PDB file of N, CA and C in Angstrom:
ATOM      1  N   UNK A   1       6.995  -3.533  11.949  1.00  0.00           N
ATOM      2  CA  UNK A   1       8.097  -3.566  11.035  1.00  0.00           C
ATOM      3  C   UNK A   1       8.394  -2.137  10.577  1.00  0.00           C
ATOM      4  N   UNK A   2       9.633  -1.815  10.489  1.00  0.00           N
ATOM      5  CA  UNK A   2      10.043  -0.478  10.050  1.00  0.00           C
ATOM      6  C   UNK A   2      10.184  -0.477   8.532  1.00  0.00           C
ATOM      7  N   UNK A   3       9.515   0.471   7.896  1.00  0.00           N
ATOM      8  CA  UNK A   3       9.614   0.641   6.445  1.00  0.00           C
ATOM      9  C   UNK A   3       9.911   2.108   6.153  1.00  0.00           C
ATOM     10  N   UNK A   4      10.544   2.350   5.019  1.00  0.00           N
ATOM     11  CA  UNK A   4      10.854   3.708   4.609  1.00  0.00           C
ATOM     12  C   UNK A   4      10.065   4.030   3.354  1.00  0.00           C
ATOM     13  N   UNK A   5       9.276   5.083   3.428  1.00  0.00           N
ATOM     14  CA  UNK A   5       8.485   5.551   2.294  1.00  0.00           C
ATOM     15  C   UNK A   5       8.671   7.060   2.226  1.00  0.00           C
ATOM     16  N   UNK A   6       9.074   7.549   1.081  1.00  0.00           N
ATOM     17  CA  UNK A   6       9.306   8.985   0.876  1.00  0.00           C
ATOM     18  C   UNK A   6      10.319   9.534   1.878  1.00  0.00           C
ATOM     19  N   UNK A   7      11.388   8.780   2.084  1.00  0.00           N
ATOM     20  CA  UNK A   7      12.471   9.160   2.996  1.00  0.00           C
ATOM     21  C   UNK A   7      12.019   9.324   4.443  1.00  0.00           C
ATOM     22  N   UNK A   8      10.852   8.805   4.777  1.00  0.00           N
ATOM     23  CA  UNK A   8      10.374   8.839   6.167  1.00  0.00           C
ATOM     24  C   UNK A   8      10.237   7.409   6.659  1.00  0.00           C
ATOM     25  N   UNK A   9      10.512   7.213   7.921  1.00  0.00           N
ATOM     26  CA  UNK A   9      10.406   5.889   8.517  1.00  0.00           C
ATOM     27  C   UNK A   9       9.034   5.729   9.162  1.00  0.00           C
ATOM     28  N   UNK A  10       8.429   4.599   8.893  1.00  0.00           N
ATOM     29  CA  UNK A  10       7.132   4.254   9.469  1.00  0.00           C
ATOM     30  C   UNK A  10       7.256   2.885  10.110  1.00  0.00           C
ATOM     31  N   UNK A  11       6.503   2.684  11.154  1.00  0.00           N
ATOM     32  CA  UNK A  11       6.451   1.389  11.830  1.00  0.00           C
ATOM     33  C   UNK A  11       5.040   0.857  11.686  1.00  0.00           C
ATOM     34  N   UNK A  12       4.898  -0.187  10.885  1.00  0.00           N
ATOM     35  CA  UNK A  12       3.590  -0.777  10.624  1.00  0.00           C
ATOM     36  C   UNK A  12       3.581  -2.240  11.014  1.00  0.00           C
ATOM     37  N   UNK A  13       2.439  -2.675  11.494  1.00  0.00           N
ATOM     38  CA  UNK A  13       2.159  -4.093  11.673  1.00  0.00           C
ATOM     39  C   UNK A  13       1.090  -4.449  10.650  1.00  0.00           C
ATOM     40  N   UNK A  14       1.087  -5.680  10.257  1.00  0.00           N
ATOM     41  CA  UNK A  14       0.131  -6.137   9.243  1.00  0.00           C
ATOM     42  C   UNK A  14      -1.307  -5.784   9.621  1.00  0.00           C
ATOM     43  N   UNK A  15      -1.667  -5.997  10.880  1.00  0.00           N
ATOM     44  CA  UNK A  15      -3.047  -5.722  11.298  1.00  0.00           C
ATOM     45  C   UNK A  15      -3.380  -4.228  11.266  1.00  0.00           C
ATOM     46  N   UNK A  16      -2.384  -3.353  11.459  1.00  0.00           N
ATOM     47  CA  UNK A  16      -2.628  -1.912  11.381  1.00  0.00           C
ATOM     48  C   UNK A  16      -2.971  -1.496   9.947  1.00  0.00           C
ATOM     49  N   UNK A  17      -2.292  -2.087   8.992  1.00  0.00           N
ATOM     50  CA  UNK A  17      -2.586  -1.791   7.582  1.00  0.00           C
ATOM     51  C   UNK A  17      -3.990  -2.302   7.238  1.00  0.00           C
ATOM     52  N   UNK A  18      -4.321  -3.498   7.691  1.00  0.00           N
ATOM     53  CA  UNK A  18      -5.656  -4.052   7.435  1.00  0.00           C
ATOM     54  C   UNK A  18      -6.738  -3.163   8.045  1.00  0.00           C
ATOM     55  N   UNK A  19      -6.526  -2.686   9.260  1.00  0.00           N
ATOM     56  CA  UNK A  19      -7.499  -1.809   9.913  1.00  0.00           C
ATOM     57  C   UNK A  19      -7.634  -0.480   9.178  1.00  0.00           C
ATOM     58  N   UNK A  20      -6.510   0.081   8.728  1.00  0.00           N
ATOM     59  CA  UNK A  20      -6.538   1.362   8.022  1.00  0.00           C
ATOM     60  C   UNK A  20      -7.312   1.251   6.708  1.00  0.00           C
ATOM     61  N   UNK A  21      -7.201   0.111   6.038  1.00  0.00           N
ATOM     62  CA  UNK A  21      -7.857  -0.057   4.735  1.00  0.00           C
ATOM     63  C   UNK A  21      -9.272  -0.606   4.863  1.00  0.00           C
ATOM     64  N   UNK A  22      -9.665  -1.034   6.041  1.00  0.00           N
ATOM     65  CA  UNK A  22     -11.008  -1.571   6.253  1.00  0.00           C
ATOM     66  C   UNK A  22     -12.045  -0.481   5.981  1.00  0.00           C
ATOM     67  N   UNK A  23     -12.964  -0.752   5.082  1.00  0.00           N
ATOM     68  CA  UNK A  23     -14.020   0.201   4.768  1.00  0.00           C
ATOM     69  C   UNK A  23     -13.656   1.198   3.699  1.00  0.00           C
ATOM     70  N   UNK A  24     -12.419   1.178   3.207  1.00  0.00           N
ATOM     71  CA  UNK A  24     -11.992   2.081   2.143  1.00  0.00           C
ATOM     72  C   UNK A  24     -12.424   1.479   0.806  1.00  0.00           C
ATOM     73  N   UNK A  25     -13.130   2.263   0.008  1.00  0.00           N
ATOM     74  CA  UNK A  25     -13.566   1.801  -1.304  1.00  0.00           C
ATOM     75  C   UNK A  25     -12.376   1.821  -2.260  1.00  0.00           C
ATOM     76  N   UNK A  26     -12.069   0.666  -2.875  1.00  0.00           N
ATOM     77  CA  UNK A  26     -10.913   0.633  -3.769  1.00  0.00           C
ATOM     78  C   UNK A  26     -11.164   1.425  -5.050  1.00  0.00           C
ATOM     79  N   UNK A  27     -10.128   2.142  -5.471  1.00  0.00           N
ATOM     80  CA  UNK A  27     -10.170   2.843  -6.741  1.00  0.00           C
ATOM     81  C   UNK A  27      -9.922   1.818  -7.846  1.00  0.00           C
ATOM     82  N   UNK A  28     -10.201   2.168  -9.106  1.00  0.00           N
ATOM     83  CA  UNK A  28      -9.899   1.231 -10.199  1.00  0.00           C
ATOM     84  C   UNK A  28      -8.397   0.899 -10.210  1.00  0.00           C
ATOM     85  N   UNK A  29      -8.104  -0.372 -10.411  1.00  0.00           N
ATOM     86  CA  UNK A  29      -6.717  -0.833 -10.378  1.00  0.00           C
ATOM     87  C   UNK A  29      -6.104  -0.740 -11.768  1.00  0.00           C
ATOM     88  N   UNK A  30      -5.028   0.019 -11.862  1.00  0.00           N
ATOM     89  CA  UNK A  30      -4.196   0.050 -13.067  1.00  0.00           C
ATOM     90  C   UNK A  30      -2.760  -0.005 -12.582  1.00  0.00           C
ATOM     91  N   UNK A  31      -1.990  -0.874 -13.138  1.00  0.00           N
ATOM     92  CA  UNK A  31      -0.604  -1.008 -12.688  1.00  0.00           C
ATOM     93  C   UNK A  31      -0.492  -1.985 -11.545  1.00  0.00           C
ATOM     94  N   UNK A  32       0.137  -1.562 -10.468  1.00  0.00           N
ATOM     95  CA  UNK A  32       0.417  -2.452  -9.340  1.00  0.00           C
ATOM     96  C   UNK A  32      -0.712  -2.379  -8.321  1.00  0.00           C
ATOM     97  N   UNK A  33      -1.119  -3.553  -7.835  1.00  0.00           N
ATOM     98  CA  UNK A  33      -2.155  -3.615  -6.807  1.00  0.00           C
ATOM     99  C   UNK A  33      -1.657  -4.468  -5.647  1.00  0.00           C
ATOM    100  N   UNK A  34      -2.310  -4.298  -4.519  1.00  0.00           N
ATOM    101  CA  UNK A  34      -1.994  -5.087  -3.334  1.00  0.00           C
ATOM    102  C   UNK A  34      -3.311  -5.619  -2.781  1.00  0.00           C
ATOM    103  N   UNK A  35      -3.306  -6.876  -2.371  1.00  0.00           N
ATOM    104  CA  UNK A  35      -4.518  -7.490  -1.822  1.00  0.00           C
ATOM    105  C   UNK A  35      -4.471  -7.410  -0.303  1.00  0.00           C
ATOM    106  N   UNK A  36      -5.479  -6.728   0.247  1.00  0.00           N
ATOM    107  CA  UNK A  36      -5.582  -6.563   1.696  1.00  0.00           C
ATOM    108  C   UNK A  36      -6.986  -6.962   2.105  1.00  0.00           C
ATOM    109  N   UNK A  37      -7.094  -7.968   2.929  1.00  0.00           N
ATOM    110  CA  UNK A  37      -8.397  -8.425   3.392  1.00  0.00           C
ATOM    111  C   UNK A  37      -9.286  -8.925   2.267  1.00  0.00           C
ATOM    112  N   UNK A  38      -8.678  -9.510   1.239  1.00  0.00           N
ATOM    113  CA  UNK A  38      -9.445 -10.058   0.121  1.00  0.00           C
ATOM    114  C   UNK A  38      -9.859  -9.019  -0.916  1.00  0.00           C
ATOM    115  N   UNK A  39      -9.415  -7.790  -0.760  1.00  0.00           N
ATOM    116  CA  UNK A  39      -9.765  -6.712  -1.685  1.00  0.00           C
ATOM    117  C   UNK A  39      -8.481  -6.204  -2.342  1.00  0.00           C
ATOM    118  N   UNK A  40      -8.519  -5.986  -3.663  1.00  0.00           N
ATOM    119  CA  UNK A  40      -7.363  -5.451  -4.377  1.00  0.00           C
ATOM    120  C   UNK A  40      -7.446  -3.931  -4.435  1.00  0.00           C
ATOM    121  N   UNK A  41      -6.400  -3.290  -3.961  1.00  0.00           N
ATOM    122  CA  UNK A  41      -6.311  -1.831  -3.959  1.00  0.00           C
ATOM    123  C   UNK A  41      -5.129  -1.405  -4.821  1.00  0.00           C
ATOM    124  N   UNK A  42      -5.241  -0.264  -5.499  1.00  0.00           N
ATOM    125  CA  UNK A  42      -4.057   0.271  -6.174  1.00  0.00           C
ATOM    126  C   UNK A  42      -2.986   0.605  -5.132  1.00  0.00           C
ATOM    127  N   UNK A  43      -1.755   0.300  -5.445  1.00  0.00           N
ATOM    128  CA  UNK A  43      -0.674   0.468  -4.477  1.00  0.00           C
ATOM    129  C   UNK A  43      -0.538   1.916  -4.009  1.00  0.00           C
ATOM    130  N   UNK A  44      -0.775   2.870  -4.905  1.00  0.00           N
ATOM    131  CA  UNK A  44      -0.646   4.276  -4.525  1.00  0.00           C
ATOM    132  C   UNK A  44      -1.765   4.697  -3.566  1.00  0.00           C
ATOM    133  N   UNK A  45      -2.954   4.128  -3.706  1.00  0.00           N
ATOM    134  CA  UNK A  45      -4.044   4.433  -2.780  1.00  0.00           C
ATOM    135  C   UNK A  45      -3.683   3.940  -1.384  1.00  0.00           C
ATOM    136  N   UNK A  46      -3.140   2.741  -1.304  1.00  0.00           N
ATOM    137  CA  UNK A  46      -2.738   2.197  -0.005  1.00  0.00           C
ATOM    138  C   UNK A  46      -1.657   3.069   0.627  1.00  0.00           C
ATOM    139  N   UNK A  47      -0.680   3.462  -0.174  1.00  0.00           N
ATOM    140  CA  UNK A  47       0.386   4.319   0.339  1.00  0.00           C
ATOM    141  C   UNK A  47      -0.144   5.621   0.895  1.00  0.00           C
ATOM    142  N   UNK A  48      -1.092   6.232   0.187  1.00  0.00           N
ATOM    143  CA  UNK A  48      -1.657   7.503   0.641  1.00  0.00           C
ATOM    144  C   UNK A  48      -2.441   7.331   1.942  1.00  0.00           C
ATOM    145  N   UNK A  49      -3.178   6.242   2.060  1.00  0.00           N
ATOM    146  CA  UNK A  49      -3.991   6.023   3.259  1.00  0.00           C
ATOM    147  C   UNK A  49      -3.102   5.739   4.480  1.00  0.00           C
ATOM    148  N   UNK A  50      -2.139   4.854   4.329  1.00  0.00           N
ATOM    149  CA  UNK A  50      -1.369   4.451   5.508  1.00  0.00           C
ATOM    150  C   UNK A  50      -0.326   5.483   5.933  1.00  0.00           C
ATOM    151  N   UNK A  51       0.185   6.285   4.980  1.00  0.00           N
ATOM    152  CA  UNK A  51       1.194   7.282   5.350  1.00  0.00           C
ATOM    153  C   UNK A  51       0.605   8.667   5.556  1.00  0.00           C
ATOM    154  N   UNK A  52      -0.612   8.888   5.053  1.00  0.00           N
ATOM    155  CA  UNK A  52      -1.257  10.204   5.090  1.00  0.00           C
ATOM    156  C   UNK A  52      -0.417  11.256   4.368  1.00  0.00           C
ATOM    157  N   UNK A  53       0.252  10.812   3.311  1.00  0.00           N
ATOM    158  CA  UNK A  53       1.062  11.708   2.496  1.00  0.00           C
ATOM    159  C   UNK A  53       0.441  11.844   1.113  1.00  0.00           C
ATOM    160  N   UNK A  54       0.818  12.894   0.421  1.00  0.00           N
ATOM    161  CA  UNK A  54       0.388  13.093  -0.948  1.00  0.00           C
ATOM    162  C   UNK A  54       1.044  12.028  -1.831  1.00  0.00           C
ATOM    163  N   UNK A  55       0.318  11.538  -2.796  1.00  0.00           N
ATOM    164  CA  UNK A  55       0.826  10.474  -3.663  1.00  0.00           C
ATOM    165  C   UNK A  55       2.049  10.902  -4.466  1.00  0.00           C
ATOM    166  N   UNK A  56       2.232  12.178  -4.651  1.00  0.00           N
ATOM    167  CA  UNK A  56       3.402  12.660  -5.397  1.00  0.00           C
ATOM    168  C   UNK A  56       4.680  12.558  -4.571  1.00  0.00           C
ATOM    169  N   UNK A  57       4.548  12.292  -3.270  1.00  0.00           N
ATOM    170  CA  UNK A  57       5.710  12.252  -2.386  1.00  0.00           C
ATOM    171  C   UNK A  57       6.414  10.904  -2.341  1.00  0.00           C
ATOM    172  N   UNK A  58       5.816   9.858  -2.891  1.00  0.00           N
ATOM    173  CA  UNK A  58       6.423   8.526  -2.836  1.00  0.00           C
ATOM    174  C   UNK A  58       6.192   7.790  -4.146  1.00  0.00           C
ATOM    175  N   UNK A  59       6.928   6.721  -4.319  1.00  0.00           N
ATOM    176  CA  UNK A  59       6.783   5.919  -5.539  1.00  0.00           C
ATOM    177  C   UNK A  59       6.025   4.632  -5.227  1.00  0.00           C
ATOM    178  N   UNK A  60       5.486   4.032  -6.261  1.00  0.00           N
ATOM    179  CA  UNK A  60       4.767   2.772  -6.071  1.00  0.00           C
ATOM    180  C   UNK A  60       5.725   1.681  -5.619  1.00  0.00           C
ATOM    181  N   UNK A  61       6.975   1.748  -6.067  1.00  0.00           N
ATOM    182  CA  UNK A  61       7.963   0.749  -5.665  1.00  0.00           C
ATOM    183  C   UNK A  61       8.235   0.755  -4.175  1.00  0.00           C
ATOM    184  N   UNK A  62       8.271   1.930  -3.575  1.00  0.00           N
ATOM    185  CA  UNK A  62       8.494   2.031  -2.131  1.00  0.00           C
ATOM    186  C   UNK A  62       7.366   1.346  -1.366  1.00  0.00           C
ATOM    187  N   UNK A  63       6.137   1.617  -1.777  1.00  0.00           N
ATOM    188  CA  UNK A  63       4.980   1.034  -1.086  1.00  0.00           C
ATOM    189  C   UNK A  63       4.904  -0.462  -1.370  1.00  0.00           C
ATOM    190  N   UNK A  64       5.211  -0.861  -2.595  1.00  0.00           N
ATOM    191  CA  UNK A  64       5.179  -2.280  -2.946  1.00  0.00           C
ATOM    192  C   UNK A  64       6.179  -3.066  -2.100  1.00  0.00           C
ATOM    193  N   UNK A  65       7.382  -2.563  -1.935  1.00  0.00           N
ATOM    194  CA  UNK A  65       8.375  -3.246  -1.088  1.00  0.00           C
ATOM    195  C   UNK A  65       7.890  -3.344   0.360  1.00  0.00           C
ATOM    196  N   UNK A  66       7.292  -2.278   0.856  1.00  0.00           N
ATOM    197  CA  UNK A  66       6.796  -2.285   2.234  1.00  0.00           C
ATOM    198  C   UNK A  66       5.667  -3.304   2.405  1.00  0.00           C
ATOM    199  N   UNK A  67       4.724  -3.334   1.465  1.00  0.00           N
ATOM    200  CA  UNK A  67       3.597  -4.261   1.564  1.00  0.00           C
ATOM    201  C   UNK A  67       4.061  -5.712   1.425  1.00  0.00           C
ATOM    202  N   UNK A  68       5.015  -5.952   0.525  1.00  0.00           N
ATOM    203  CA  UNK A  68       5.555  -7.309   0.367  1.00  0.00           C
ATOM    204  C   UNK A  68       6.281  -7.742   1.641  1.00  0.00           C
ATOM    205  N   UNK A  69       7.007  -6.828   2.270  1.00  0.00           N
ATOM    206  CA  UNK A  69       7.707  -7.157   3.513  1.00  0.00           C
ATOM    207  C   UNK A  69       6.727  -7.501   4.630  1.00  0.00           C
ATOM    208  N   UNK A  70       5.542  -6.903   4.584  1.00  0.00           N
ATOM    209  CA  UNK A  70       4.509  -7.199   5.585  1.00  0.00           C
ATOM    210  C   UNK A  70       3.703  -8.446   5.233  1.00  0.00           C
ATOM    211  N   UNK A  71       3.964  -9.025   4.067  1.00  0.00           N
ATOM    212  CA  UNK A  71       3.314 -10.280   3.683  1.00  0.00           C
ATOM    213  C   UNK A  71       2.065 -10.129   2.842  1.00  0.00           C
ATOM    214  N   UNK A  72       1.808  -8.939   2.302  1.00  0.00           N
ATOM    215  CA  UNK A  72       0.648  -8.753   1.443  1.00  0.00           C
ATOM    216  C   UNK A  72       1.025  -9.069  -0.003  1.00  0.00           C
ATOM    217  N   UNK A  73       0.185  -9.827  -0.699  1.00  0.00           N
ATOM    218  CA  UNK A  73       0.501 -10.142  -2.109  1.00  0.00           C
ATOM    219  C   UNK A  73       0.305  -8.923  -3.007  1.00  0.00           C
ATOM    220  N   UNK A  74       1.319  -8.648  -3.816  1.00  0.00           N
ATOM    221  CA  UNK A  74       1.275  -7.537  -4.766  1.00  0.00           C
ATOM    222  C   UNK A  74       1.269  -8.115  -6.184  1.00  0.00           C
ATOM    223  N   UNK A  75       0.510  -7.473  -7.056  1.00  0.00           N
ATOM    224  CA  UNK A  75       0.397  -7.934  -8.439  1.00  0.00           C
ATOM    225  C   UNK A  75       0.525  -6.760  -9.387  1.00  0.00           C
ATOM    226  N   UNK A  76       1.000  -7.041 -10.589  1.00  0.00           N
ATOM    227  CA  UNK A  76       1.063  -6.027 -11.632  1.00  0.00           C
ATOM    228  C   UNK A  76       0.008  -6.356 -12.669  1.00  0.00           C
ATOM    229  N   UNK A  77      -0.837  -5.378 -12.985  1.00  0.00           N
ATOM    230  CA  UNK A  77      -1.879  -5.542 -13.980  1.00  0.00           C
ATOM    231  C   UNK A  77      -1.302  -5.233 -15.351  1.00  0.00           C
ATOM    232  N   UNK A  78      -1.453  -6.173 -16.251  1.00  0.00           N
ATOM    233  CA  UNK A  78      -0.990  -5.966 -17.621  1.00  0.00           C
ATOM    234  C   UNK A  78      -2.155  -5.525 -18.459  1.00  0.00           C
ATOM    235  N   UNK A  79      -1.994  -4.382 -19.115  1.00  0.00           N
ATOM    236  CA  UNK A  79      -3.095  -3.855 -19.905  1.00  0.00           C
ATOM    237  C   UNK A  79      -2.951  -4.227 -21.360  1.00  0.00           C
TER     238      UNK A  79
END
């Protein structure tokens, strides 16, 4: 599936995202999270891992839309 993050086009399949995040230790979740392989990751951590870009280059909304389009459940943590 083609997604746009930080004005760049990426082509991801659900299994590629799962493989990229496999073995990655999740950071503490604050704000928006995405569940991948039964593990909740902060959305910005996922964006940084799958795009290999600096977190300042994209927004959480861009990554959230991409993950939702790929069928991953996204949640917002209320503090």
